[in-house]
Protein backbone atom coordinates (compact mmCIF):
# COMPACT_ATOMS: atom_id res chain seq x y z
CA MET A 1 62.56 44.45 112.19
CA PHE A 2 65.26 46.66 110.69
CA GLU A 3 65.02 48.96 113.73
CA PHE A 4 65.83 46.06 116.06
CA TYR A 5 68.98 45.01 114.20
CA GLN A 6 70.10 48.63 113.98
CA ALA A 7 69.62 49.00 117.74
CA LEU A 8 71.31 45.63 118.37
CA GLY A 9 74.56 46.97 117.00
CA GLN A 10 74.37 50.06 119.20
CA HIS A 11 72.98 48.99 122.59
CA THR A 12 74.78 46.60 124.90
CA PHE A 13 71.60 45.71 126.79
CA LEU A 14 70.09 44.26 123.59
CA GLN A 15 73.28 42.32 122.91
CA ALA A 16 73.14 40.93 126.46
CA ALA A 17 69.46 40.01 125.95
CA ALA A 18 70.24 38.16 122.73
CA MET A 19 73.09 36.30 124.43
CA ALA A 20 70.88 35.42 127.42
CA ALA A 21 68.20 34.05 125.07
CA ALA A 22 70.76 31.85 123.30
CA LEU A 23 72.26 30.55 126.55
CA ALA A 24 68.84 29.80 128.02
CA SER A 25 67.89 27.93 124.85
CA ILE A 26 70.82 25.54 125.28
CA GLY A 27 69.64 24.50 128.72
CA CYS A 28 65.97 24.25 127.85
CA GLY A 29 66.77 22.31 124.65
CA MET A 30 68.71 19.64 126.54
CA ILE A 31 66.65 19.33 129.70
CA GLY A 32 63.31 20.13 128.09
CA THR A 33 63.78 17.02 125.94
CA TYR A 34 63.93 14.86 129.06
CA VAL A 35 60.87 16.62 130.49
CA VAL A 36 58.82 15.99 127.34
CA VAL A 37 59.95 12.39 126.80
CA LYS A 38 59.55 11.46 130.50
CA ARG A 39 56.24 13.38 130.63
CA ILE A 40 57.07 15.20 133.85
CA ALA A 41 56.00 18.71 132.81
CA PHE A 42 53.79 18.99 135.90
CA ILE A 43 56.79 18.22 138.11
CA ALA A 44 58.83 20.86 136.27
CA GLY A 45 55.98 23.34 136.80
CA GLY A 46 55.92 22.61 140.52
CA ILE A 47 59.66 23.22 140.75
CA ALA A 48 59.36 26.46 138.78
CA HIS A 49 56.63 27.98 140.94
CA ALA A 50 58.28 26.96 144.21
CA VAL A 51 61.23 29.12 143.17
CA LEU A 52 59.48 32.40 144.03
CA GLY A 53 59.71 31.59 147.75
CA GLY A 54 63.50 31.37 147.55
CA MET A 55 63.74 34.52 145.45
CA GLY A 56 61.54 36.49 147.85
CA ALA A 57 63.56 35.35 150.87
CA ALA A 58 66.85 36.22 149.13
CA VAL A 59 65.64 39.72 148.26
CA TYR A 60 64.33 40.27 151.78
CA TYR A 61 67.68 39.32 153.36
CA GLY A 62 69.71 41.30 150.82
CA LEU A 63 71.06 38.34 148.85
CA ASP A 64 71.21 37.64 145.11
CA PRO A 65 67.70 36.59 143.95
CA LEU A 66 69.13 33.95 141.62
CA SER A 67 70.96 32.24 144.49
CA GLY A 68 67.67 32.04 146.38
CA ALA A 69 65.96 30.75 143.26
CA ALA A 70 68.58 28.02 142.78
CA ALA A 71 68.37 26.92 146.43
CA ALA A 72 64.55 26.79 146.42
CA ALA A 73 64.45 24.99 143.06
CA ILE A 74 66.90 22.29 144.18
CA VAL A 75 65.09 21.74 147.50
CA ALA A 76 61.73 21.52 145.72
CA ALA A 77 63.19 19.10 143.16
CA LEU A 78 64.56 16.78 145.85
CA ILE A 79 61.30 16.82 147.83
CA ILE A 80 59.20 16.09 144.74
CA GLY A 81 61.63 13.39 143.61
CA TRP A 82 61.57 11.67 147.01
CA VAL A 83 57.77 11.70 147.07
CA HIS A 84 57.60 10.36 143.50
CA LEU A 85 59.86 7.45 144.43
CA HIS A 86 58.43 6.61 147.86
CA TRP A 87 54.95 8.16 148.18
CA GLN A 88 53.66 8.30 144.62
CA ALA A 89 49.96 8.14 145.51
CA HIS A 90 50.15 11.69 146.94
CA GLU A 91 52.52 13.14 144.33
CA ASP A 92 50.00 15.42 142.58
CA THR A 93 48.78 16.83 145.90
CA LEU A 94 52.30 17.60 147.11
CA ILE A 95 53.32 19.27 143.84
CA SER A 96 50.19 21.46 143.93
CA ALA A 97 50.93 22.35 147.56
CA LEU A 98 54.57 23.25 146.84
CA TRP A 99 53.41 25.27 143.84
CA ALA A 100 51.03 27.35 145.99
CA ILE A 101 53.27 27.55 149.08
CA GLY A 102 56.29 28.74 147.09
CA MET A 103 54.29 31.49 145.38
CA ALA A 104 52.67 32.58 148.66
CA ILE A 105 55.95 32.72 150.61
CA GLY A 106 57.64 34.66 147.81
CA ILE A 107 54.85 37.23 147.59
CA LEU A 108 54.85 37.73 151.39
CA TYR A 109 58.63 38.23 151.48
CA LEU A 110 58.53 40.67 148.57
CA ALA A 111 55.65 42.56 150.15
CA ARG A 112 57.67 43.00 153.37
CA THR A 113 60.88 44.05 151.59
CA PRO A 114 61.52 47.73 152.30
CA GLY A 115 62.10 50.19 149.48
CA ASP A 116 61.01 50.24 145.85
CA GLN A 117 63.74 48.03 144.45
CA VAL A 118 61.54 44.94 144.14
CA ASP A 119 59.43 44.55 141.02
CA LEU A 120 57.33 41.40 141.27
CA MET A 121 56.43 41.58 137.58
CA ASP A 122 60.09 41.09 136.62
CA TYR A 123 60.16 37.82 138.54
CA LEU A 124 56.78 36.56 137.36
CA PHE A 125 57.11 37.45 133.68
CA GLY A 126 60.85 37.97 133.28
CA ASN A 127 62.78 40.93 131.96
CA ILE A 128 65.41 39.75 129.53
CA LEU A 129 66.32 43.34 128.67
CA LEU A 130 67.76 43.84 132.17
CA VAL A 131 70.00 40.76 132.31
CA PRO A 132 73.37 41.81 133.82
CA THR A 133 76.73 40.59 132.56
CA SER A 134 77.27 38.56 135.74
CA SER A 135 74.12 36.56 134.97
CA LEU A 136 75.43 35.78 131.49
CA TYR A 137 78.55 34.21 132.99
CA LEU A 138 76.40 32.24 135.43
CA MET A 139 74.16 31.03 132.61
CA GLY A 140 77.21 29.97 130.58
CA VAL A 141 78.68 28.01 133.49
CA THR A 142 75.29 26.35 134.14
CA ASP A 143 75.00 25.34 130.48
CA VAL A 144 78.47 23.79 130.55
CA LEU A 145 77.60 21.89 133.74
CA LEU A 146 74.32 20.60 132.27
CA LEU A 147 76.01 19.60 129.02
CA ALA A 148 78.75 17.74 130.90
CA LEU A 149 76.21 15.82 133.00
CA VAL A 150 74.08 14.95 129.98
CA TRP A 151 77.14 13.67 128.10
CA LEU A 152 78.75 11.75 130.97
CA TYR A 153 75.57 10.01 132.07
CA ARG A 154 73.71 9.86 128.75
CA TYR A 155 73.14 6.09 128.86
CA SER A 156 71.95 6.13 132.47
CA PHE A 157 69.55 9.01 131.77
CA LEU A 158 68.35 7.20 128.66
CA ALA A 159 67.54 4.09 130.71
CA VAL A 160 65.84 6.05 133.49
CA VAL A 161 63.75 8.14 131.09
CA PHE A 162 62.49 5.28 128.91
CA ASP A 163 62.38 2.19 131.14
CA THR A 164 62.89 2.69 134.85
CA GLU A 165 62.18 -0.90 135.85
CA THR A 166 64.61 -2.42 133.34
CA ALA A 167 67.25 0.12 134.39
CA ARG A 168 66.79 -0.90 138.03
CA LEU A 169 67.09 -4.62 137.16
CA ARG A 170 70.34 -3.90 135.30
CA GLY A 171 71.86 -2.26 138.36
CA VAL A 172 71.44 1.40 137.34
CA PRO A 173 71.05 3.56 140.50
CA VAL A 174 67.63 4.84 139.42
CA THR A 175 66.99 6.91 142.54
CA PHE A 176 70.25 8.84 142.14
CA PHE A 177 69.80 9.60 138.44
CA TYR A 178 66.13 10.49 138.79
CA LEU A 179 66.93 12.98 141.56
CA LEU A 180 69.89 14.29 139.54
CA LEU A 181 67.58 14.82 136.55
CA LEU A 182 65.16 16.82 138.71
CA VAL A 183 68.04 18.94 140.05
CA MET A 184 69.10 19.61 136.44
CA ILE A 185 65.52 20.67 135.68
CA ALA A 186 65.72 23.00 138.68
CA LEU A 187 68.92 24.61 137.34
CA THR A 188 67.32 25.01 133.92
CA VAL A 189 64.33 26.75 135.51
CA VAL A 190 66.73 29.24 137.11
CA LEU A 191 68.31 29.76 133.66
CA LEU A 192 64.94 30.71 132.19
CA ILE A 193 63.66 32.96 134.98
CA GLN A 194 65.11 36.19 133.59
CA VAL A 195 64.12 35.30 130.02
CA VAL A 196 60.41 34.53 130.40
CA GLY A 197 59.77 34.58 134.16
CA LEU A 198 58.32 32.04 136.56
CA ILE A 199 54.80 31.89 135.14
CA LEU A 200 55.90 31.30 131.54
CA VAL A 201 59.01 29.18 132.15
CA LEU A 202 57.20 25.88 131.60
CA ALA A 203 56.23 26.86 128.05
CA LEU A 204 59.79 27.58 126.91
CA LEU A 205 61.03 24.47 128.71
CA THR A 206 58.64 22.12 126.91
CA LEU A 207 57.36 23.63 123.64
CA PRO A 208 60.64 23.63 121.60
CA ALA A 209 61.31 20.03 122.68
CA ALA A 210 57.72 19.04 121.89
CA ILE A 211 58.04 20.51 118.39
CA ALA A 212 61.37 18.75 117.86
CA GLY A 213 59.85 15.44 118.97
CA GLN A 214 57.41 15.60 116.06
CA TYR A 215 60.23 15.42 113.51
CA VAL A 216 63.10 13.44 115.06
CA HIS A 217 63.12 10.35 117.26
CA SER A 218 66.73 10.22 118.40
CA LEU A 219 67.18 11.82 121.83
CA GLY A 220 70.40 13.58 120.82
CA ARG A 221 68.89 15.00 117.64
CA MET A 222 65.81 16.05 119.54
CA MET A 223 68.00 17.99 121.99
CA LEU A 224 69.89 19.68 119.16
CA LEU A 225 66.74 20.62 117.24
CA ALA A 226 65.01 21.83 120.42
CA THR A 227 68.01 24.03 121.21
CA LEU A 228 68.02 25.55 117.72
CA LEU A 229 64.26 26.09 117.86
CA GLY A 230 64.58 27.73 121.27
CA MET A 231 67.23 30.11 119.92
CA MET A 232 65.10 30.98 116.91
CA ILE A 233 61.93 31.47 118.96
CA SER A 234 63.59 33.63 121.62
CA HIS A 235 65.34 35.73 118.96
CA LEU A 236 62.08 36.28 117.09
CA GLY A 237 60.45 37.25 120.38
CA LEU A 238 63.07 39.95 120.88
CA VAL A 239 62.64 41.17 117.31
CA PHE A 240 58.85 41.37 117.32
CA SER A 241 58.60 42.90 120.79
CA TYR A 242 61.12 45.69 120.18
CA THR A 243 59.27 48.12 117.91
CA PRO A 244 55.85 48.00 119.66
CA ASP A 245 57.66 48.10 123.05
CA LEU A 246 56.11 44.88 124.38
CA PRO A 247 57.55 42.67 127.14
CA PRO A 248 59.70 40.05 125.35
CA GLY A 249 58.87 37.11 127.64
CA PRO A 250 55.18 36.75 126.74
CA VAL A 251 55.95 37.40 123.07
CA ILE A 252 58.53 34.59 123.08
CA VAL A 253 56.01 32.20 124.62
CA LEU A 254 53.25 33.15 122.18
CA ILE A 255 55.57 32.53 119.22
CA ALA A 256 56.54 29.14 120.70
CA ALA A 257 52.87 28.25 121.21
CA ALA A 258 51.94 29.34 117.68
CA LEU A 259 54.75 27.24 116.17
CA TYR A 260 53.73 24.25 118.28
CA ILE A 261 50.11 24.47 117.15
CA LEU A 262 51.15 24.91 113.52
CA SER A 263 53.62 22.03 113.75
CA SER A 264 50.99 19.77 115.36
CA LEU A 265 48.51 20.53 112.60
CA LEU A 266 51.09 19.83 109.89
CA SER A 267 52.20 16.65 111.65
CA GLY A 268 48.60 15.44 111.91
CA TYR A 269 47.95 16.25 108.26
CA ARG A 270 51.10 14.38 107.26
CA MET A 271 50.10 11.35 109.30
CA LYS A 272 46.62 11.25 107.71
CA GLY A 273 48.23 11.41 104.27
CA LYS A 274 50.46 8.42 105.07
CA LEU A 275 47.47 6.40 106.34
CA ARG A 276 45.48 7.16 103.20
CA ARG A 277 48.35 6.07 100.95
CA ARG A 278 48.71 2.82 102.88
CA SER A 279 44.99 2.05 102.66
CA ARG A 280 45.00 2.30 98.87
């Protein structure tokens, strides 16, 4: 652990990695709360895995992979949202199809990309140690945009997340805000790609928020606690992966999973204790 903090003060790539982890945690803390409360993790997973098609196409045509990821994520989010609102009976099938099609298209594009500059493992599992400064600025701008949307439309999102039918009866444009929420999820997925990669993005998007939901019941407090937990988990992942030279992404996810299991056990034990006291 001491070696990591000593290296952190000397190497700019570690400082950039720590900053990227913190910025990603802000987005996943806010938007992951909506995903957990609304119970749309499967939709978020479909969006995440459809992203590889856009990244592969961007790399093949010489564009920035993150721009391709953002475009593919937004398109996938709008398609899934439209199907959920108008063709719900086939929603699971479409999400599964987009999941598989996006991965397949991305792999084909990357396989046809000339040269050795493409490393599929970096996209699938992330490489937070190689985050460039330009990506940090992009992540910061995305966080500000997400925070502004969450604050400006907090009551509309609250209504859509908890009671769609009542929101519709009260004149809230449910379709618009539901699609906007999915687009925000898509942007958050792009935030997390370089931290934990496409395969593991769903864990970091949902686990900190799920842990927070076991202790607080206010949506705002849940977002704040999920953000702090995400920062702590991602920082610990960097610390514990440094000395043994392990990829940080999987380590971050394993720490998040371990904390979630531990928190669930403690929460269940606490609940049983309350029930026993009431029965006496």
